[in-house]
Every structure is written in C-alpha cells, then in structure tokens.
Amino acid sequence: MDFSSPPPGGKMDSATRDQLMSQVKQQIALANAQELLQKMSEKCYKKCISKPGTTLDNSEQKCIAMCMDRYMDTWNLVSRVYAQRLQRESNKMG
C-alpha cells in the first residue's frame, strides 16, 4: 500500500484508515518489543556477567534468568499502570 500520496479525492475511507492504524499499531508493538529485549539484555548482562567468556556458569545463568523475569514483571506493571492512567485521562476529557 502506498501512503506517500493521498487517495483519489483526498479522503481516506474507513477500511483504509483502519488498515493503516492496524499497521501503525503493529509497528509500534514491534518497536516496543525490540526496545524491551535490547534494554533487558544490556541491563542483565551488566548485572550478571562479571567475566565474559564463551560459556555462562551456573550462577550467571541463574542471575540472567532472575534478572529477565524481574525486568519483564516490572515492564508489564509499568505498561499496565500507564495504560490505566491513559484511560483515566481520556475518560476525564470525554
């Protein structure tokens, strides 16, 4: 689909608009997932790997697993609270 120029007549029908919004939401979700993985990898690597090598010892494996679990739990909590706050704000405005 070409989004560089407006459709004939200058208006976008609702199906095209819905399709565009769906694509934008998918791209945002993908970007958020990529950012989550990158940040989680950076933070947990710094926290758990003191001497980089070709393998992880048992304590490093456990540390990384626990770090990633905590990071995901925190990410989910913050996302949920943020979504609730946005919902409250939009209800106040409506």
Protein backbone atom coordinates (compact mmCIF):
# COMPACT_ATOMS: atom_id res chain seq x y z
CA MET A 1 0.00 0.00 0.00
CA ASP A 2 1.33 3.44 -0.94
CA PHE A 3 0.93 6.01 1.84
CA SER A 4 3.05 8.69 0.20
CA SER A 5 0.15 10.34 -1.59
CA PRO A 6 -3.47 10.85 -0.56
CA PRO A 7 -6.10 8.61 -2.12
CA PRO A 8 -8.21 9.95 -5.01
CA GLY A 9 -10.49 12.71 -3.80
CA GLY A 10 -8.19 13.46 -0.88
CA LYS A 11 -10.15 11.41 1.65
CA MET A 12 -9.37 8.04 3.15
CA ASP A 13 -12.22 5.57 3.60
CA SER A 14 -12.70 3.89 6.97
CA ALA A 15 -11.39 0.49 5.82
CA THR A 16 -8.15 2.05 4.59
CA ARG A 17 -7.84 4.13 7.75
CA ASP A 18 -8.45 1.04 9.93
CA GLN A 19 -5.86 -0.92 7.96
CA LEU A 20 -3.33 1.91 8.32
CA MET A 21 -3.99 2.21 12.06
CA SER A 22 -3.56 -1.55 12.45
CA GLN A 23 -0.21 -1.43 10.64
CA VAL A 24 0.97 1.50 12.76
CA LYS A 25 -0.02 -0.31 15.97
CA GLN A 26 1.85 -3.43 14.83
CA GLN A 27 4.97 -1.37 14.06
CA ILE A 28 4.79 0.33 17.47
CA ALA A 29 4.35 -3.04 19.22
CA LEU A 30 7.35 -4.45 17.34
CA ALA A 31 9.49 -1.42 18.20
CA ASN A 32 8.48 -1.72 21.87
CA ALA A 33 9.35 -5.43 21.92
CA GLN A 34 12.73 -4.75 20.31
CA GLU A 35 13.46 -1.99 22.83
CA LEU A 36 12.44 -4.25 25.71
CA LEU A 37 14.77 -7.03 24.55
CA GLN A 38 17.66 -4.64 23.97
CA LYS A 39 17.33 -2.90 27.36
CA MET A 40 16.78 -6.17 29.20
CA SER A 41 19.84 -7.72 27.56
CA GLU A 42 22.03 -4.71 28.35
CA LYS A 43 20.93 -4.37 31.97
CA CYS A 44 21.03 -8.09 32.80
CA TYR A 45 24.38 -8.57 31.05
CA LYS A 46 25.93 -5.73 33.06
CA LYS A 47 24.43 -7.04 36.29
CA CYS A 48 25.20 -10.76 35.86
CA ILE A 49 28.29 -11.21 33.69
CA SER A 50 31.45 -10.20 35.51
CA LYS A 51 33.95 -12.04 33.29
CA PRO A 52 32.71 -12.51 29.72
CA GLY A 53 33.70 -15.80 28.13
CA THR A 54 32.46 -18.43 25.73
CA THR A 55 30.04 -20.01 28.24
CA LEU A 56 27.93 -18.96 31.21
CA ASP A 57 28.49 -20.64 34.53
CA ASN A 58 25.57 -21.82 36.64
CA SER A 59 25.39 -18.69 38.79
CA GLU A 60 25.43 -16.42 35.70
CA GLN A 61 22.62 -18.45 34.10
CA LYS A 62 20.50 -18.18 37.27
CA CYS A 63 21.25 -14.47 37.60
CA ILE A 64 20.25 -13.77 34.00
CA ALA A 65 17.04 -15.81 34.30
CA MET A 66 16.03 -14.00 37.50
CA CYS A 67 17.03 -10.60 36.11
CA MET A 68 14.99 -11.13 32.94
CA ASP A 69 11.98 -12.31 34.95
CA ARG A 70 12.13 -9.24 37.19
CA TYR A 71 12.63 -6.94 34.21
CA MET A 72 9.60 -8.43 32.42
CA ASP A 73 7.45 -8.22 35.55
CA THR A 74 8.42 -4.58 36.01
CA TRP A 75 7.85 -3.76 32.32
CA ASN A 76 4.39 -5.36 32.48
CA LEU A 77 3.47 -3.50 35.67
CA VAL A 78 4.59 -0.14 34.29
CA SER A 79 2.76 -0.78 30.99
CA ARG A 80 -0.44 -1.75 32.80
CA VAL A 81 -0.37 1.29 35.11
CA TYR A 82 0.44 3.58 32.17
CA ALA A 83 -2.48 2.20 30.14
CA GLN A 84 -4.82 2.68 33.13
CA ARG A 85 -3.63 6.24 33.55
CA LEU A 86 -4.17 7.00 29.86
CA GLN A 87 -7.66 5.52 30.12
CA ARG A 88 -8.48 7.68 33.17
CA GLU A 89 -7.17 10.79 31.41
CA SER A 90 -9.17 10.08 28.27
CA ASN A 91 -12.32 9.50 30.38
CA LYS A 92 -11.80 12.89 32.07
CA MET A 93 -11.54 14.60 28.69
CA GLY A 94 -14.58 12.86 27.20
